[in-house]
Amino acid sequence: MFITRSQKSLTEGGRIRAVLWYQGESDTVSRKDADSYGRNLKNFVLNFRQDLHLPMLPFIQVALATAEGSYKAIVRKAQLELDLPNVWTVDANGLPPGPDGIHLSTKAQVRVGQMLAEAYLTRTAHQSSPISSSASKLSR
């Protein structure tokens, strides 16, 4: 459904400037999910870009600070090691959790938002829209 809505937006004159991605807590519950997280994330980014015909669409993800399960280190490693063009990671590690112990506190969520905005503005400032497949790979 997300792809369909994104495609519809693009055909109606909309622009997708970047994807901001914060996911993975539930993948820390089972070893199987944690072990496949890196491969799944890479495939998601590649397929999303392919489906939208935006091969260099910036993708900014958040490396986990908290987790539902005991395999956080495996998921974080996959997040931090994802190596694709125009993919960057902001690290939420060390930010305080909220009362449920899984999600971040309100102040920490605000900080993550600031980190994402800073990453977007810093990394995409030189790029014109739409992003073309000839855009160079930026360093992390």
N, C-alpha and C. Protein backbone atom coordinates (compact mmCIF):
# COMPACT_ATOMS: atom_id res chain seq x y z
N MET A 1 0.82 -1.18 0.00
CA MET A 1 0.00 0.00 0.00
C MET A 1 0.87 1.27 0.00
N PHE A 2 1.97 1.24 0.75
CA PHE A 2 2.86 2.39 0.82
C PHE A 2 3.44 2.71 -0.55
N ILE A 3 3.85 1.68 -1.28
CA ILE A 3 4.41 1.87 -2.62
C ILE A 3 3.35 2.45 -3.54
N THR A 4 2.14 1.90 -3.48
CA THR A 4 1.06 2.37 -4.34
C THR A 4 0.77 3.85 -4.09
N ARG A 5 0.68 4.23 -2.83
CA ARG A 5 0.42 5.64 -2.50
C ARG A 5 1.57 6.53 -2.93
N SER A 6 2.79 6.04 -2.77
CA SER A 6 3.96 6.82 -3.19
C SER A 6 3.97 7.01 -4.71
N GLN A 7 3.67 5.94 -5.44
CA GLN A 7 3.62 6.03 -6.90
C GLN A 7 2.53 7.00 -7.35
N LYS A 8 1.38 6.94 -6.69
CA LYS A 8 0.28 7.84 -7.03
C LYS A 8 0.68 9.28 -6.79
N SER A 9 1.33 9.54 -5.68
CA SER A 9 1.79 10.89 -5.38
C SER A 9 2.73 11.41 -6.46
N LEU A 10 3.64 10.56 -6.90
CA LEU A 10 4.60 10.97 -7.93
C LEU A 10 3.90 11.28 -9.26
N THR A 11 2.89 10.49 -9.61
CA THR A 11 2.19 10.73 -10.88
C THR A 11 1.31 11.97 -10.82
N GLU A 12 0.99 12.43 -9.62
CA GLU A 12 0.16 13.62 -9.47
C GLU A 12 1.00 14.87 -9.18
N GLY A 13 2.30 14.80 -9.47
CA GLY A 13 3.15 15.97 -9.31
C GLY A 13 3.90 16.05 -8.00
N GLY A 14 3.70 15.10 -7.13
CA GLY A 14 4.42 15.10 -5.85
C GLY A 14 5.88 14.73 -6.03
N ARG A 15 6.66 15.01 -5.01
CA ARG A 15 8.08 14.65 -5.01
C ARG A 15 8.40 13.92 -3.72
N ILE A 16 9.22 12.93 -3.85
CA ILE A 16 9.74 12.25 -2.67
C ILE A 16 11.20 12.63 -2.59
N ARG A 17 11.55 13.36 -1.57
CA ARG A 17 12.92 13.87 -1.44
C ARG A 17 13.83 12.91 -0.70
N ALA A 18 13.25 12.11 0.19
CA ALA A 18 14.05 11.16 0.97
C ALA A 18 13.10 10.24 1.73
N VAL A 19 13.65 9.15 2.20
CA VAL A 19 12.93 8.25 3.10
C VAL A 19 13.63 8.34 4.45
N LEU A 20 12.85 8.58 5.49
CA LEU A 20 13.36 8.57 6.86
C LEU A 20 12.83 7.29 7.49
N TRP A 21 13.73 6.45 7.98
CA TRP A 21 13.37 5.09 8.39
C TRP A 21 13.83 4.82 9.81
N TYR A 22 12.89 4.45 10.66
CA TYR A 22 13.22 4.09 12.04
C TYR A 22 12.42 2.84 12.37
N GLN A 23 13.06 1.71 12.27
CA GLN A 23 12.39 0.43 12.44
C GLN A 23 13.42 -0.59 12.88
N GLY A 24 12.98 -1.64 13.52
CA GLY A 24 13.88 -2.73 13.84
C GLY A 24 13.74 -3.30 15.23
N GLU A 25 13.03 -2.61 16.12
CA GLU A 25 12.92 -3.09 17.49
C GLU A 25 12.37 -4.51 17.55
N SER A 26 11.31 -4.78 16.79
CA SER A 26 10.70 -6.12 16.85
C SER A 26 11.60 -7.19 16.22
N ASP A 27 12.53 -6.78 15.38
CA ASP A 27 13.45 -7.75 14.77
C ASP A 27 14.52 -8.21 15.75
N THR A 28 14.56 -7.62 16.94
CA THR A 28 15.53 -8.03 17.96
C THR A 28 15.01 -9.17 18.82
N VAL A 29 13.77 -9.59 18.61
CA VAL A 29 13.16 -10.62 19.46
C VAL A 29 13.68 -12.01 19.11
N SER A 30 13.77 -12.33 17.83
CA SER A 30 14.24 -13.67 17.44
C SER A 30 15.58 -13.58 16.73
N ARG A 31 16.39 -14.58 16.94
CA ARG A 31 17.70 -14.63 16.30
C ARG A 31 17.54 -14.69 14.78
N LYS A 32 16.55 -15.44 14.32
CA LYS A 32 16.30 -15.57 12.89
C LYS A 32 16.01 -14.20 12.27
N ASP A 33 15.12 -13.43 12.88
CA ASP A 33 14.78 -12.10 12.36
C ASP A 33 15.98 -11.17 12.41
N ALA A 34 16.72 -11.22 13.51
CA ALA A 34 17.90 -10.36 13.65
C ALA A 34 18.95 -10.70 12.59
N ASP A 35 19.16 -11.98 12.37
CA ASP A 35 20.16 -12.41 11.38
C ASP A 35 19.78 -12.01 9.96
N SER A 36 18.49 -11.95 9.66
CA SER A 36 18.06 -11.61 8.30
C SER A 36 17.78 -10.11 8.13
N TYR A 37 17.90 -9.34 9.20
CA TYR A 37 17.56 -7.92 9.15
C TYR A 37 18.39 -7.17 8.10
N GLY A 38 19.68 -7.35 8.08
CA GLY A 38 20.53 -6.63 7.14
C GLY A 38 20.17 -6.90 5.69
N ARG A 39 19.98 -8.16 5.37
CA ARG A 39 19.60 -8.54 4.00
C ARG A 39 18.22 -7.97 3.66
N ASN A 40 17.29 -8.07 4.60
CA ASN A 40 15.94 -7.55 4.36
C ASN A 40 15.95 -6.04 4.17
N LEU A 41 16.72 -5.34 4.98
CA LEU A 41 16.79 -3.89 4.87
C LEU A 41 17.39 -3.48 3.53
N LYS A 42 18.46 -4.12 3.14
CA LYS A 42 19.09 -3.80 1.85
C LYS A 42 18.11 -4.03 0.71
N ASN A 43 17.43 -5.17 0.73
CA ASN A 43 16.45 -5.48 -0.31
C ASN A 43 15.30 -4.47 -0.31
N PHE A 44 14.87 -4.07 0.88
CA PHE A 44 13.79 -3.08 0.98
C PHE A 44 14.19 -1.78 0.29
N VAL A 45 15.37 -1.28 0.61
CA VAL A 45 15.84 -0.02 0.02
C VAL A 45 15.94 -0.15 -1.49
N LEU A 46 16.57 -1.21 -1.96
CA LEU A 46 16.74 -1.40 -3.40
C LEU A 46 15.40 -1.55 -4.12
N ASN A 47 14.50 -2.34 -3.55
CA ASN A 47 13.19 -2.56 -4.18
C ASN A 47 12.33 -1.30 -4.15
N PHE A 48 12.38 -0.57 -3.04
CA PHE A 48 11.61 0.67 -2.93
C PHE A 48 12.06 1.65 -4.01
N ARG A 49 13.36 1.83 -4.13
CA ARG A 49 13.90 2.73 -5.15
C ARG A 49 13.52 2.27 -6.55
N GLN A 50 13.63 0.97 -6.79
CA GLN A 50 13.30 0.43 -8.11
C GLN A 50 11.82 0.63 -8.43
N ASP A 51 10.96 0.33 -7.47
CA ASP A 51 9.52 0.46 -7.70
C ASP A 51 9.12 1.90 -8.02
N LEU A 52 9.82 2.87 -7.45
CA LEU A 52 9.50 4.28 -7.68
C LEU A 52 10.32 4.90 -8.80
N HIS A 53 11.22 4.12 -9.39
CA HIS A 53 12.10 4.61 -10.45
C HIS A 53 12.95 5.79 -9.96
N LEU A 54 13.40 5.68 -8.71
CA LEU A 54 14.26 6.68 -8.08
C LEU A 54 15.49 5.97 -7.51
N PRO A 55 16.40 5.55 -8.37
CA PRO A 55 17.50 4.69 -7.93
C PRO A 55 18.47 5.33 -6.94
N MET A 56 18.46 6.65 -6.82
CA MET A 56 19.37 7.31 -5.89
C MET A 56 18.62 8.05 -4.78
N LEU A 57 17.37 7.69 -4.56
CA LEU A 57 16.58 8.34 -3.52
C LEU A 57 17.30 8.26 -2.18
N PRO A 58 17.54 9.39 -1.52
CA PRO A 58 18.20 9.36 -0.21
C PRO A 58 17.37 8.56 0.80
N PHE A 59 18.06 7.80 1.59
CA PHE A 59 17.44 6.95 2.60
C PHE A 59 18.23 7.16 3.88
N ILE A 60 17.57 7.73 4.89
CA ILE A 60 18.24 8.01 6.16
C ILE A 60 17.56 7.17 7.23
N GLN A 61 18.32 6.30 7.83
CA GLN A 61 17.78 5.40 8.84
C GLN A 61 18.31 5.76 10.23
N VAL A 62 17.60 5.28 11.23
CA VAL A 62 18.01 5.46 12.62
C VAL A 62 18.49 4.11 13.16
N ALA A 63 19.73 4.07 13.65
CA ALA A 63 20.22 2.86 14.32
C ALA A 63 19.60 2.80 15.71
N LEU A 64 19.13 1.64 16.07
CA LEU A 64 18.36 1.45 17.30
C LEU A 64 19.10 1.88 18.57
N ALA A 65 18.31 2.41 19.48
CA ALA A 65 18.80 2.69 20.83
C ALA A 65 18.21 1.69 21.81
N THR A 66 17.02 1.21 21.50
CA THR A 66 16.30 0.31 22.38
C THR A 66 15.85 -0.90 21.57
N ALA A 67 15.38 -1.92 22.27
CA ALA A 67 14.96 -3.14 21.58
C ALA A 67 13.91 -3.87 22.39
N GLU A 68 13.12 -4.67 21.68
CA GLU A 68 12.15 -5.54 22.35
C GLU A 68 12.80 -6.82 22.84
N GLY A 69 13.85 -7.26 22.16
CA GLY A 69 14.47 -8.53 22.48
C GLY A 69 15.94 -8.41 22.76
N SER A 70 16.60 -9.55 22.79
CA SER A 70 18.00 -9.60 23.21
C SER A 70 19.00 -9.57 22.04
N TYR A 71 18.52 -9.35 20.82
CA TYR A 71 19.41 -9.37 19.66
C TYR A 71 19.62 -7.98 19.06
N LYS A 72 19.58 -6.97 19.90
CA LYS A 72 19.77 -5.59 19.43
C LYS A 72 21.11 -5.41 18.75
N ALA A 73 22.16 -5.99 19.29
CA ALA A 73 23.50 -5.80 18.73
C ALA A 73 23.58 -6.28 17.28
N ILE A 74 22.90 -7.36 16.97
CA ILE A 74 22.92 -7.89 15.60
C ILE A 74 22.20 -6.94 14.64
N VAL A 75 21.05 -6.44 15.06
CA VAL A 75 20.29 -5.52 14.22
C VAL A 75 21.06 -4.21 14.05
N ARG A 76 21.61 -3.69 15.14
CA ARG A 76 22.39 -2.44 15.05
C ARG A 76 23.59 -2.61 14.11
N LYS A 77 24.25 -3.72 14.20
CA LYS A 77 25.41 -3.97 13.33
C LYS A 77 24.97 -3.93 11.86
N ALA A 78 23.85 -4.57 11.56
CA ALA A 78 23.33 -4.56 10.19
C ALA A 78 22.97 -3.14 9.76
N GLN A 79 22.38 -2.37 10.65
CA GLN A 79 22.02 -0.99 10.32
C GLN A 79 23.27 -0.16 10.05
N LEU A 80 24.24 -0.28 10.92
CA LEU A 80 25.45 0.54 10.81
C LEU A 80 26.33 0.13 9.64
N GLU A 81 26.21 -1.11 9.18
CA GLU A 81 27.04 -1.60 8.08
C GLU A 81 26.35 -1.56 6.72
N LEU A 82 25.11 -1.11 6.67
CA LEU A 82 24.42 -1.03 5.38
C LEU A 82 25.21 -0.11 4.45
N ASP A 83 25.62 -0.64 3.33
CA ASP A 83 26.50 0.10 2.42
C ASP A 83 25.86 0.21 1.05
N LEU A 84 25.06 1.24 0.88
CA LEU A 84 24.44 1.54 -0.41
C LEU A 84 24.60 3.03 -0.68
N PRO A 85 24.63 3.42 -1.94
CA PRO A 85 24.73 4.85 -2.26
C PRO A 85 23.54 5.63 -1.69
N ASN A 86 23.81 6.82 -1.21
CA ASN A 86 22.78 7.71 -0.68
C ASN A 86 21.99 7.09 0.47
N VAL A 87 22.64 6.27 1.25
CA VAL A 87 22.05 5.74 2.48
C VAL A 87 22.92 6.19 3.64
N TRP A 88 22.30 6.81 4.63
CA TRP A 88 23.03 7.29 5.80
C TRP A 88 22.30 6.86 7.06
N THR A 89 23.05 6.82 8.13
CA THR A 89 22.52 6.37 9.41
C THR A 89 22.78 7.42 10.47
N VAL A 90 21.75 7.72 11.25
CA VAL A 90 21.93 8.49 12.47
C VAL A 90 21.79 7.50 13.62
N ASP A 91 22.57 7.68 14.65
CA ASP A 91 22.63 6.70 15.73
C ASP A 91 21.91 7.21 16.97
N ALA A 92 20.86 6.51 17.36
CA ALA A 92 20.09 6.88 18.54
C ALA A 92 20.64 6.24 19.81
N ASN A 93 21.69 5.46 19.68
CA ASN A 93 22.25 4.78 20.84
C ASN A 93 22.61 5.80 21.93
N GLY A 94 22.21 5.49 23.14
CA GLY A 94 22.50 6.38 24.26
C GLY A 94 21.37 7.33 24.60
N LEU A 95 20.39 7.47 23.70
CA LEU A 95 19.25 8.32 24.01
C LEU A 95 18.33 7.57 24.98
N PRO A 96 17.70 8.28 25.91
CA PRO A 96 16.92 7.61 26.95
C PRO A 96 15.60 7.03 26.46
N PRO A 97 15.28 5.83 26.95
CA PRO A 97 13.99 5.22 26.61
C PRO A 97 12.85 5.88 27.38
N GLY A 98 11.66 5.68 26.85
CA GLY A 98 10.46 6.14 27.54
C GLY A 98 10.03 5.13 28.58
N PRO A 99 8.86 5.34 29.16
CA PRO A 99 8.38 4.47 30.25
C PRO A 99 8.22 3.00 29.87
N ASP A 100 7.95 2.71 28.59
CA ASP A 100 7.76 1.31 28.20
C ASP A 100 9.08 0.58 27.98
N GLY A 101 10.20 1.32 27.99
CA GLY A 101 11.51 0.70 27.83
C GLY A 101 11.86 0.33 26.40
N ILE A 102 10.93 0.46 25.49
CA ILE A 102 11.15 0.10 24.09
C ILE A 102 11.26 1.35 23.22
N HIS A 103 10.31 2.23 23.36
CA HIS A 103 10.32 3.45 22.57
C HIS A 103 11.09 4.53 23.32
N LEU A 104 11.58 5.51 22.58
CA LEU A 104 12.35 6.58 23.19
C LEU A 104 11.46 7.55 23.95
N SER A 105 12.06 8.25 24.90
CA SER A 105 11.34 9.30 25.62
C SER A 105 10.97 10.41 24.63
N THR A 106 10.07 11.26 25.03
CA THR A 106 9.65 12.36 24.17
C THR A 106 10.84 13.23 23.78
N LYS A 107 11.66 13.59 24.74
CA LYS A 107 12.83 14.42 24.45
C LYS A 107 13.79 13.71 23.49
N ALA A 108 13.95 12.41 23.68
CA ALA A 108 14.83 11.64 22.79
C ALA A 108 14.25 11.58 21.38
N GLN A 109 12.93 11.45 21.27
CA GLN A 109 12.31 11.44 19.94
C GLN A 109 12.52 12.77 19.23
N VAL A 110 12.41 13.86 19.98
CA VAL A 110 12.68 15.17 19.39
C VAL A 110 14.12 15.24 18.90
N ARG A 111 15.05 14.71 19.70
CA ARG A 111 16.46 14.71 19.30
C ARG A 111 16.67 13.89 18.04
N VAL A 112 16.02 12.74 17.93
CA VAL A 112 16.14 11.92 16.72
C VAL A 112 15.62 12.71 15.51
N GLY A 113 14.52 13.40 15.68
CA GLY A 113 14.00 14.24 14.60
C GLY A 113 15.00 15.29 14.16
N GLN A 114 15.67 15.90 15.12
CA GLN A 114 16.70 16.89 14.80
C GLN A 114 17.86 16.24 14.06
N MET A 115 18.26 15.06 14.51
CA MET A 115 19.36 14.34 13.87
C MET A 115 19.01 13.99 12.42
N LEU A 116 17.77 13.54 12.20
CA LEU A 116 17.34 13.20 10.85
C LEU A 116 17.31 14.44 9.96
N ALA A 117 16.78 15.53 10.49
CA ALA A 117 16.73 16.78 9.71
C ALA A 117 18.14 17.25 9.36
N GLU A 118 19.03 17.20 10.32
CA GLU A 118 20.41 17.62 10.08
C GLU A 118 21.07 16.74 9.01
N ALA A 119 20.86 15.44 9.12
CA ALA A 119 21.43 14.52 8.12
C ALA A 119 20.87 14.81 6.73
N TYR A 120 19.58 15.01 6.66
CA TYR A 120 18.95 15.31 5.36
C TYR A 120 19.50 16.60 4.78
N LEU A 121 19.50 17.65 5.57
CA LEU A 121 19.95 18.95 5.06
C LEU A 121 21.43 18.94 4.70
N THR A 122 22.24 18.28 5.49
CA THR A 122 23.68 18.22 5.24
C THR A 122 23.99 17.38 4.01
N ARG A 123 23.37 16.23 3.91
CA ARG A 123 23.72 15.27 2.86
C ARG A 123 23.09 15.59 1.51
N THR A 124 21.97 16.28 1.49
CA THR A 124 21.28 16.50 0.22
C THR A 124 21.37 17.95 -0.25
N ALA A 125 22.09 18.79 0.44
CA ALA A 125 22.14 20.22 0.11
C ALA A 125 22.64 20.48 -1.30
N HIS A 126 23.55 19.67 -1.79
CA HIS A 126 24.13 19.89 -3.11
C HIS A 126 23.35 19.23 -4.24
N GLN A 127 22.36 18.43 -3.90
CA GLN A 127 21.64 17.66 -4.92
C GLN A 127 20.43 18.43 -5.42
N SER A 128 20.21 18.39 -6.71
CA SER A 128 18.99 18.97 -7.26
C SER A 128 17.94 17.88 -7.32
N SER A 129 16.71 18.27 -7.42
CA SER A 129 15.63 17.30 -7.48
C SER A 129 15.13 17.24 -8.92
N PRO A 130 14.73 16.12 -9.45
CA PRO A 130 14.78 14.84 -8.78
C PRO A 130 16.19 14.26 -8.73
N ILE A 131 16.39 13.34 -7.81
CA ILE A 131 17.67 12.67 -7.67
C ILE A 131 17.87 11.80 -8.91
N SER A 132 19.01 11.91 -9.53
CA SER A 132 19.27 11.10 -10.72
C SER A 132 20.18 9.94 -10.38
N SER A 133 20.19 8.96 -11.24
CA SER A 133 21.03 7.79 -11.00
C SER A 133 22.50 8.12 -11.16
N SER A 134 22.82 9.30 -11.67
CA SER A 134 24.22 9.68 -11.84
C SER A 134 24.78 10.40 -10.62
N ALA A 135 23.95 10.59 -9.59
CA ALA A 135 24.43 11.26 -8.38
C ALA A 135 25.54 10.43 -7.75
N SER A 136 26.54 11.08 -7.26
CA SER A 136 27.68 10.35 -6.68
C SER A 136 27.34 9.83 -5.29
N LYS A 137 28.04 8.79 -4.91
CA LYS A 137 27.88 8.22 -3.58
C LYS A 137 28.53 9.15 -2.57
N LEU A 138 27.78 9.50 -1.55
CA LEU A 138 28.31 10.36 -0.51
C LEU A 138 28.90 9.52 0.60
N SER A 139 29.87 10.05 1.28
CA SER A 139 30.47 9.31 2.40
C SER A 139 29.53 9.32 3.58
N ARG A 140 29.73 8.38 4.44
CA ARG A 140 28.87 8.27 5.62
C ARG A 140 29.22 9.28 6.64
